[in-house]
Amino acid sequence: MNMQLNKLLKTGLTVLIPLCAAGNADAAIVTFSLDYSGLAFGNAATAQGLISLDEQLIPNPGSAFFDFSNNDAIKAFTLTVSNATGGLGNGTFQMTDFDFATWDSAGETLDFSQQLIGQWTQGGGWGKSARWDGGAGEFNLYAKAGSSAPTSSGYFTLAANNDFLNGDLLKLVSFKPVSGSVQPVPLPAPIWLFGSAVGVFLSRKAVKKDH
């Protein structure tokens, strides 16, 4: 019986070890806090949000468009605008208020475990570009028609009230991971099945031994 058990464990571990390695390399969902400020544009508007991303589906380095309606890269999103002039564009907005988001790491591999704004790029630091200079990458949001959500009005810049001509401008000043937000994807099913099989085998062996 010991030989059978040893053989089972050896075979199982041969399968389990590479699967564990693959599981560790698999995607993780990371939540970032977003902060926007109108100070650079002379207004008092602000915006705070949370976005949950599947790291495996974010090109890093690279660039992409993410459709809010069907892209798995963005798992959750909310953004609250406050203090907009005349209250135009204030409110809390969800994924359903936006068409798509844009992402560009400026050709660099960004460290998702740290504050992204200011990480080194040839354009002077991610998120630190001049308003119309894309050399430092990009992250932006595009509101749906009819929504009063903020929308893109330049690199790393939103315009309140879905009005890129007259809405209060907001600069992205912080894009950092929320502490403890990493959520690993569950290990593949074969690992759990193997564990269950070994458990059943050992239980039966113990019962037979007791008798």
C-alpha atoms as a PDB file:
ATOM      1  CA  MET A   1       0.000   0.000   0.000  1.00  0.00           C
ATOM      2  CA  ASN A   2       2.876   2.379   0.790  1.00  0.00           C
ATOM      3  CA  MET A   3       4.279   1.808  -2.689  1.00  0.00           C
ATOM      4  CA  GLN A   4       0.894   2.703  -4.211  1.00  0.00           C
ATOM      5  CA  LEU A   5       0.684   5.866  -2.120  1.00  0.00           C
ATOM      6  CA  ASN A   6       4.223   6.904  -2.992  1.00  0.00           C
ATOM      7  CA  LYS A   7       3.513   6.356  -6.662  1.00  0.00           C
ATOM      8  CA  LEU A   8       0.319   8.418  -6.484  1.00  0.00           C
ATOM      9  CA  LEU A   9       2.040  11.275  -4.666  1.00  0.00           C
ATOM     10  CA  LYS A  10       4.996  11.243  -7.064  1.00  0.00           C
ATOM     11  CA  THR A  11       2.703  11.310 -10.094  1.00  0.00           C
ATOM     12  CA  GLY A  12       0.495  13.977  -8.579  1.00  0.00           C
ATOM     13  CA  LEU A  13       3.367  16.237  -7.601  1.00  0.00           C
ATOM     14  CA  THR A  14       4.825  15.932 -11.098  1.00  0.00           C
ATOM     15  CA  VAL A  15       1.578  17.485 -12.359  1.00  0.00           C
ATOM     16  CA  LEU A  16       1.026  19.797  -9.414  1.00  0.00           C
ATOM     17  CA  ILE A  17       4.369  21.630  -9.392  1.00  0.00           C
ATOM     18  CA  PRO A  18       4.150  23.084 -12.930  1.00  0.00           C
ATOM     19  CA  LEU A  19       0.479  23.934 -12.370  1.00  0.00           C
ATOM     20  CA  CYS A  20       1.365  25.824  -9.200  1.00  0.00           C
ATOM     21  CA  ALA A  21       4.047  27.715 -11.083  1.00  0.00           C
ATOM     22  CA  ALA A  22       1.521  28.586 -13.786  1.00  0.00           C
ATOM     23  CA  GLY A  23      -0.987  29.654 -11.148  1.00  0.00           C
ATOM     24  CA  ASN A  24       1.545  32.005  -9.565  1.00  0.00           C
ATOM     25  CA  ALA A  25       2.212  33.551 -12.973  1.00  0.00           C
ATOM     26  CA  ASP A  26      -1.477  33.902 -13.765  1.00  0.00           C
ATOM     27  CA  ALA A  27      -3.379  37.140 -13.729  1.00  0.00           C
ATOM     28  CA  ALA A  28      -4.163  39.059 -10.582  1.00  0.00           C
ATOM     29  CA  ILE A  29      -6.863  41.675 -10.184  1.00  0.00           C
ATOM     30  CA  VAL A  30      -5.368  44.889  -8.806  1.00  0.00           C
ATOM     31  CA  THR A  31      -7.394  47.895  -7.652  1.00  0.00           C
ATOM     32  CA  PHE A  32      -5.966  51.388  -8.094  1.00  0.00           C
ATOM     33  CA  SER A  33      -7.150  54.645  -6.609  1.00  0.00           C
ATOM     34  CA  LEU A  34      -7.382  57.585  -9.006  1.00  0.00           C
ATOM     35  CA  ASP A  35      -7.132  61.247  -8.051  1.00  0.00           C
ATOM     36  CA  TYR A  36      -7.756  64.169 -10.379  1.00  0.00           C
ATOM     37  CA  SER A  37      -7.298  67.863  -9.619  1.00  0.00           C
ATOM     38  CA  GLY A  38      -8.270  71.074 -11.382  1.00  0.00           C
ATOM     39  CA  LEU A  39      -5.574  73.155  -9.675  1.00  0.00           C
ATOM     40  CA  ALA A  40      -3.290  73.123 -12.730  1.00  0.00           C
ATOM     41  CA  PHE A  41      -6.136  74.691 -14.701  1.00  0.00           C
ATOM     42  CA  GLY A  42      -7.228  77.204 -12.101  1.00  0.00           C
ATOM     43  CA  ASN A  43     -10.404  75.525 -10.911  1.00  0.00           C
ATOM     44  CA  ALA A  44     -11.466  73.782  -7.701  1.00  0.00           C
ATOM     45  CA  ALA A  45     -12.914  70.639  -9.265  1.00  0.00           C
ATOM     46  CA  THR A  46     -11.657  67.256  -8.075  1.00  0.00           C
ATOM     47  CA  ALA A  47     -12.375  63.628  -8.854  1.00  0.00           C
ATOM     48  CA  GLN A  48     -11.620  60.421  -6.961  1.00  0.00           C
ATOM     49  CA  GLY A  49     -12.117  56.936  -8.267  1.00  0.00           C
ATOM     50  CA  LEU A  50     -11.312  53.258  -8.066  1.00  0.00           C
ATOM     51  CA  ILE A  51     -10.462  51.000 -10.975  1.00  0.00           C
ATOM     52  CA  SER A  52      -9.859  47.234 -10.834  1.00  0.00           C
ATOM     53  CA  LEU A  53      -7.681  45.838 -13.610  1.00  0.00           C
ATOM     54  CA  ASP A  54      -6.637  42.387 -14.745  1.00  0.00           C
ATOM     55  CA  GLU A  55      -2.857  42.792 -14.923  1.00  0.00           C
ATOM     56  CA  GLN A  56      -2.562  39.982 -17.445  1.00  0.00           C
ATOM     57  CA  LEU A  57      -4.686  41.898 -19.964  1.00  0.00           C
ATOM     58  CA  ILE A  58      -2.962  45.281 -19.588  1.00  0.00           C
ATOM     59  CA  PRO A  59      -0.144  45.671 -22.150  1.00  0.00           C
ATOM     60  CA  ASN A  60       2.925  46.614 -20.133  1.00  0.00           C
ATOM     61  CA  PRO A  61       4.804  47.803 -22.047  1.00  0.00           C
ATOM     62  CA  GLY A  62       2.257  48.695 -24.690  1.00  0.00           C
ATOM     63  CA  SER A  63      -0.928  50.582 -25.486  1.00  0.00           C
ATOM     64  CA  ALA A  64      -4.581  49.628 -25.895  1.00  0.00           C
ATOM     65  CA  PHE A  65      -8.212  50.702 -26.082  1.00  0.00           C
ATOM     66  CA  PHE A  66     -10.481  49.099 -23.500  1.00  0.00           C
ATOM     67  CA  ASP A  67     -14.176  48.895 -24.309  1.00  0.00           C
ATOM     68  CA  PHE A  68     -16.104  49.207 -21.048  1.00  0.00           C
ATOM     69  CA  SER A  69     -18.972  47.121 -22.426  1.00  0.00           C
ATOM     70  CA  ASN A  70     -17.065  43.952 -23.279  1.00  0.00           C
ATOM     71  CA  ASN A  71     -13.394  44.148 -22.325  1.00  0.00           C
ATOM     72  CA  ASP A  72     -12.338  41.871 -19.485  1.00  0.00           C
ATOM     73  CA  ALA A  73      -9.322  44.008 -18.593  1.00  0.00           C
ATOM     74  CA  ILE A  74     -11.417  46.466 -16.548  1.00  0.00           C
ATOM     75  CA  LYS A  75     -13.270  44.570 -13.840  1.00  0.00           C
ATOM     76  CA  ALA A  76     -14.786  47.494 -11.948  1.00  0.00           C
ATOM     77  CA  PHE A  77     -14.752  51.272 -12.102  1.00  0.00           C
ATOM     78  CA  THR A  78     -16.247  54.231 -10.256  1.00  0.00           C
ATOM     79  CA  LEU A  79     -15.384  57.939 -10.332  1.00  0.00           C
ATOM     80  CA  THR A  80     -16.846  60.796  -8.265  1.00  0.00           C
ATOM     81  CA  VAL A  81     -16.535  64.399  -9.456  1.00  0.00           C
ATOM     82  CA  SER A  82     -16.881  67.197  -6.894  1.00  0.00           C
ATOM     83  CA  ASN A  83     -16.726  70.998  -6.819  1.00  0.00           C
ATOM     84  CA  ALA A  84     -17.221  71.487 -10.550  1.00  0.00           C
ATOM     85  CA  THR A  85     -18.155  75.055 -11.475  1.00  0.00           C
ATOM     86  CA  GLY A  86     -21.897  75.533 -11.072  1.00  0.00           C
ATOM     87  CA  GLY A  87     -22.165  71.886 -10.084  1.00  0.00           C
ATOM     88  CA  LEU A  88     -22.020  70.938 -13.774  1.00  0.00           C
ATOM     89  CA  GLY A  89     -20.691  67.401 -13.972  1.00  0.00           C
ATOM     90  CA  ASN A  90     -20.700  66.628 -10.264  1.00  0.00           C
ATOM     91  CA  GLY A  91     -21.729  63.103  -9.337  1.00  0.00           C
ATOM     92  CA  THR A  92     -20.635  59.494  -9.171  1.00  0.00           C
ATOM     93  CA  PHE A  93     -20.142  57.622 -12.434  1.00  0.00           C
ATOM     94  CA  GLN A  94     -19.802  53.916 -13.204  1.00  0.00           C
ATOM     95  CA  MET A  95     -18.587  51.740 -16.076  1.00  0.00           C
ATOM     96  CA  THR A  96     -21.940  52.148 -17.831  1.00  0.00           C
ATOM     97  CA  ASP A  97     -21.294  55.916 -18.179  1.00  0.00           C
ATOM     98  CA  PHE A  98     -18.223  55.399 -20.374  1.00  0.00           C
ATOM     99  CA  ASP A  99     -17.564  54.029 -23.850  1.00  0.00           C
ATOM    100  CA  PHE A 100     -13.879  53.165 -23.536  1.00  0.00           C
ATOM    101  CA  ALA A 101     -10.582  53.914 -21.852  1.00  0.00           C
ATOM    102  CA  THR A 102      -7.150  54.389 -23.385  1.00  0.00           C
ATOM    103  CA  TRP A 103      -3.849  53.143 -21.979  1.00  0.00           C
ATOM    104  CA  ASP A 104      -0.227  53.704 -23.022  1.00  0.00           C
ATOM    105  CA  SER A 105       2.842  52.865 -20.950  1.00  0.00           C
ATOM    106  CA  ALA A 106       5.073  54.991 -23.226  1.00  0.00           C
ATOM    107  CA  GLY A 107       7.087  51.941 -24.183  1.00  0.00           C
ATOM    108  CA  GLU A 108       8.147  51.258 -20.601  1.00  0.00           C
ATOM    109  CA  THR A 109       7.312  48.471 -18.158  1.00  0.00           C
ATOM    110  CA  LEU A 110       5.544  50.158 -15.262  1.00  0.00           C
ATOM    111  CA  ASP A 111       5.623  48.780 -11.726  1.00  0.00           C
ATOM    112  CA  PHE A 112       1.971  48.150 -10.823  1.00  0.00           C
ATOM    113  CA  SER A 113       2.869  47.716  -7.157  1.00  0.00           C
ATOM    114  CA  GLN A 114       3.832  51.401  -6.894  1.00  0.00           C
ATOM    115  CA  GLN A 115       2.424  54.841  -7.675  1.00  0.00           C
ATOM    116  CA  LEU A 116       2.348  54.996 -11.490  1.00  0.00           C
ATOM    117  CA  ILE A 117       2.423  58.781 -11.832  1.00  0.00           C
ATOM    118  CA  GLY A 118       6.033  59.860 -12.251  1.00  0.00           C
ATOM    119  CA  GLN A 119       7.531  56.459 -13.035  1.00  0.00           C
ATOM    120  CA  TRP A 120      10.367  56.914 -15.496  1.00  0.00           C
ATOM    121  CA  THR A 121       9.648  57.293 -19.206  1.00  0.00           C
ATOM    122  CA  GLN A 122      11.615  59.029 -21.936  1.00  0.00           C
ATOM    123  CA  GLY A 123       8.836  61.619 -22.022  1.00  0.00           C
ATOM    124  CA  GLY A 124       9.639  62.816 -18.519  1.00  0.00           C
ATOM    125  CA  GLY A 125       7.740  60.445 -16.247  1.00  0.00           C
ATOM    126  CA  TRP A 126       4.444  58.606 -16.766  1.00  0.00           C
ATOM    127  CA  GLY A 127       1.575  61.045 -16.362  1.00  0.00           C
ATOM    128  CA  LYS A 128       3.903  64.057 -16.256  1.00  0.00           C
ATOM    129  CA  SER A 129       3.619  65.095 -19.899  1.00  0.00           C
ATOM    130  CA  ALA A 130       2.518  68.503 -21.109  1.00  0.00           C
ATOM    131  CA  ARG A 131      -1.169  68.581 -21.974  1.00  0.00           C
ATOM    132  CA  TRP A 132      -0.723  67.784 -25.653  1.00  0.00           C
ATOM    133  CA  ASP A 133       2.488  65.744 -25.430  1.00  0.00           C
ATOM    134  CA  GLY A 134       1.989  61.968 -25.440  1.00  0.00           C
ATOM    135  CA  GLY A 135       5.640  61.119 -24.794  1.00  0.00           C
ATOM    136  CA  ALA A 136       4.951  60.183 -21.191  1.00  0.00           C
ATOM    137  CA  GLY A 137       2.156  57.728 -21.930  1.00  0.00           C
ATOM    138  CA  GLU A 138      -1.572  57.980 -21.486  1.00  0.00           C
ATOM    139  CA  PHE A 139      -4.580  56.960 -19.452  1.00  0.00           C
ATOM    140  CA  ASN A 140      -7.918  58.440 -20.346  1.00  0.00           C
ATOM    141  CA  LEU A 141     -11.682  57.999 -20.279  1.00  0.00           C
ATOM    142  CA  TYR A 142     -14.300  58.695 -22.920  1.00  0.00           C
ATOM    143  CA  ALA A 143     -17.841  59.287 -21.724  1.00  0.00           C
ATOM    144  CA  LYS A 144     -20.908  58.003 -23.530  1.00  0.00           C
ATOM    145  CA  ALA A 145     -23.068  60.454 -25.438  1.00  0.00           C
ATOM    146  CA  GLY A 146     -25.797  61.748 -23.154  1.00  0.00           C
ATOM    147  CA  SER A 147     -23.845  61.034 -19.984  1.00  0.00           C
ATOM    148  CA  SER A 148     -22.629  63.857 -17.726  1.00  0.00           C
ATOM    149  CA  ALA A 149     -19.499  61.864 -16.848  1.00  0.00           C
ATOM    150  CA  PRO A 150     -16.110  63.520 -17.387  1.00  0.00           C
ATOM    151  CA  THR A 151     -14.444  62.853 -20.729  1.00  0.00           C
ATOM    152  CA  SER A 152     -10.990  63.109 -22.289  1.00  0.00           C
ATOM    153  CA  SER A 153      -9.659  66.576 -23.028  1.00  0.00           C
ATOM    154  CA  GLY A 154      -5.943  65.938 -23.454  1.00  0.00           C
ATOM    155  CA  TYR A 155      -3.369  63.490 -22.150  1.00  0.00           C
ATOM    156  CA  PHE A 156      -4.183  62.411 -18.581  1.00  0.00           C
ATOM    157  CA  THR A 157      -6.827  65.151 -18.545  1.00  0.00           C
ATOM    158  CA  LEU A 158     -10.604  65.005 -18.175  1.00  0.00           C
ATOM    159  CA  ALA A 159     -13.248  67.641 -18.779  1.00  0.00           C
ATOM    160  CA  ALA A 160     -16.213  67.653 -16.399  1.00  0.00           C
ATOM    161  CA  ASN A 161     -19.806  67.260 -17.590  1.00  0.00           C
ATOM    162  CA  ASN A 162     -18.787  65.465 -20.818  1.00  0.00           C
ATOM    163  CA  ASP A 163     -17.847  68.876 -22.200  1.00  0.00           C
ATOM    164  CA  PHE A 164     -14.274  68.999 -23.474  1.00  0.00           C
ATOM    165  CA  LEU A 165     -14.718  72.595 -24.615  1.00  0.00           C
ATOM    166  CA  ASN A 166     -16.210  74.246 -21.525  1.00  0.00           C
ATOM    167  CA  GLY A 167     -16.121  71.720 -18.688  1.00  0.00           C
ATOM    168  CA  ASP A 168     -13.725  72.134 -15.776  1.00  0.00           C
ATOM    169  CA  LEU A 169     -10.443  70.431 -16.637  1.00  0.00           C
ATOM    170  CA  LEU A 170      -9.031  67.800 -14.296  1.00  0.00           C
ATOM    171  CA  LYS A 171      -5.472  66.456 -14.333  1.00  0.00           C
ATOM    172  CA  LEU A 172      -4.678  62.905 -13.198  1.00  0.00           C
ATOM    173  CA  VAL A 173      -2.319  63.415 -10.245  1.00  0.00           C
ATOM    174  CA  SER A 174      -2.340  59.971  -8.643  1.00  0.00           C
ATOM    175  CA  PHE A 175      -2.755  56.417  -9.950  1.00  0.00           C
ATOM    176  CA  LYS A 176      -1.673  54.075  -7.180  1.00  0.00           C
ATOM    177  CA  PRO A 177      -2.515  50.547  -6.008  1.00  0.00           C
ATOM    178  CA  VAL A 178      -4.821  50.195  -3.056  1.00  0.00           C
ATOM    179  CA  SER A 179      -2.996  48.393  -0.256  1.00  0.00           C
ATOM    180  CA  GLY A 180      -3.998  44.745  -0.029  1.00  0.00           C
ATOM    181  CA  SER A 181      -6.087  44.880  -3.200  1.00  0.00           C
ATOM    182  CA  VAL A 182      -4.312  42.136  -5.157  1.00  0.00           C
ATOM    183  CA  GLN A 183      -6.727  39.248  -5.735  1.00  0.00           C
ATOM    184  CA  PRO A 184      -5.016  36.186  -7.227  1.00  0.00           C
ATOM    185  CA  VAL A 185      -6.978  34.158  -9.730  1.00  0.00           C
ATOM    186  CA  PRO A 186      -7.956  30.763  -8.226  1.00  0.00           C
ATOM    187  CA  LEU A 187      -5.612  27.889  -9.014  1.00  0.00           C
ATOM    188  CA  PRO A 188      -6.655  25.616 -11.903  1.00  0.00           C
ATOM    189  CA  ALA A 189      -9.282  22.997 -11.087  1.00  0.00           C
ATOM    190  CA  PRO A 190      -6.932  19.985 -11.596  1.00  0.00           C
ATOM    191  CA  ILE A 191      -4.984  21.056  -8.503  1.00  0.00           C
ATOM    192  CA  TRP A 192      -8.060  20.940  -6.305  1.00  0.00           C
ATOM    193  CA  LEU A 193      -9.158  17.672  -7.873  1.00  0.00           C
ATOM    194  CA  PHE A 194      -5.784  16.144  -7.181  1.00  0.00           C
ATOM    195  CA  GLY A 195      -5.881  17.349  -3.576  1.00  0.00           C
ATOM    196  CA  SER A 196      -9.332  15.842  -3.101  1.00  0.00           C
ATOM    197  CA  ALA A 197      -8.243  12.540  -4.609  1.00  0.00           C
ATOM    198  CA  VAL A 198      -5.227  12.312  -2.312  1.00  0.00           C
ATOM    199  CA  GLY A 199      -7.407  13.189   0.686  1.00  0.00           C
ATOM    200  CA  VAL A 200      -9.890  10.445  -0.127  1.00  0.00           C
ATOM    201  CA  PHE A 201      -7.086   7.944  -0.719  1.00  0.00           C
ATOM    202  CA  LEU A 202      -5.414   8.742   2.606  1.00  0.00           C
ATOM    203  CA  SER A 203      -8.735   8.599   4.476  1.00  0.00           C
ATOM    204  CA  ARG A 204      -9.516   5.154   3.100  1.00  0.00           C
ATOM    205  CA  LYS A 205      -5.995   3.989   3.928  1.00  0.00           C
ATOM    206  CA  ALA A 206      -6.359   5.228   7.517  1.00  0.00           C
ATOM    207  CA  VAL A 207      -9.715   3.481   7.922  1.00  0.00           C
ATOM    208  CA  LYS A 208      -8.306   0.176   6.645  1.00  0.00           C
ATOM    209  CA  LYS A 209      -5.291   0.493   8.943  1.00  0.00           C
ATOM    210  CA  ASP A 210      -7.504   1.077  12.004  1.00  0.00           C
ATOM    211  CA  HIS A 211      -9.459  -2.045  11.219  1.00  0.00           C
END
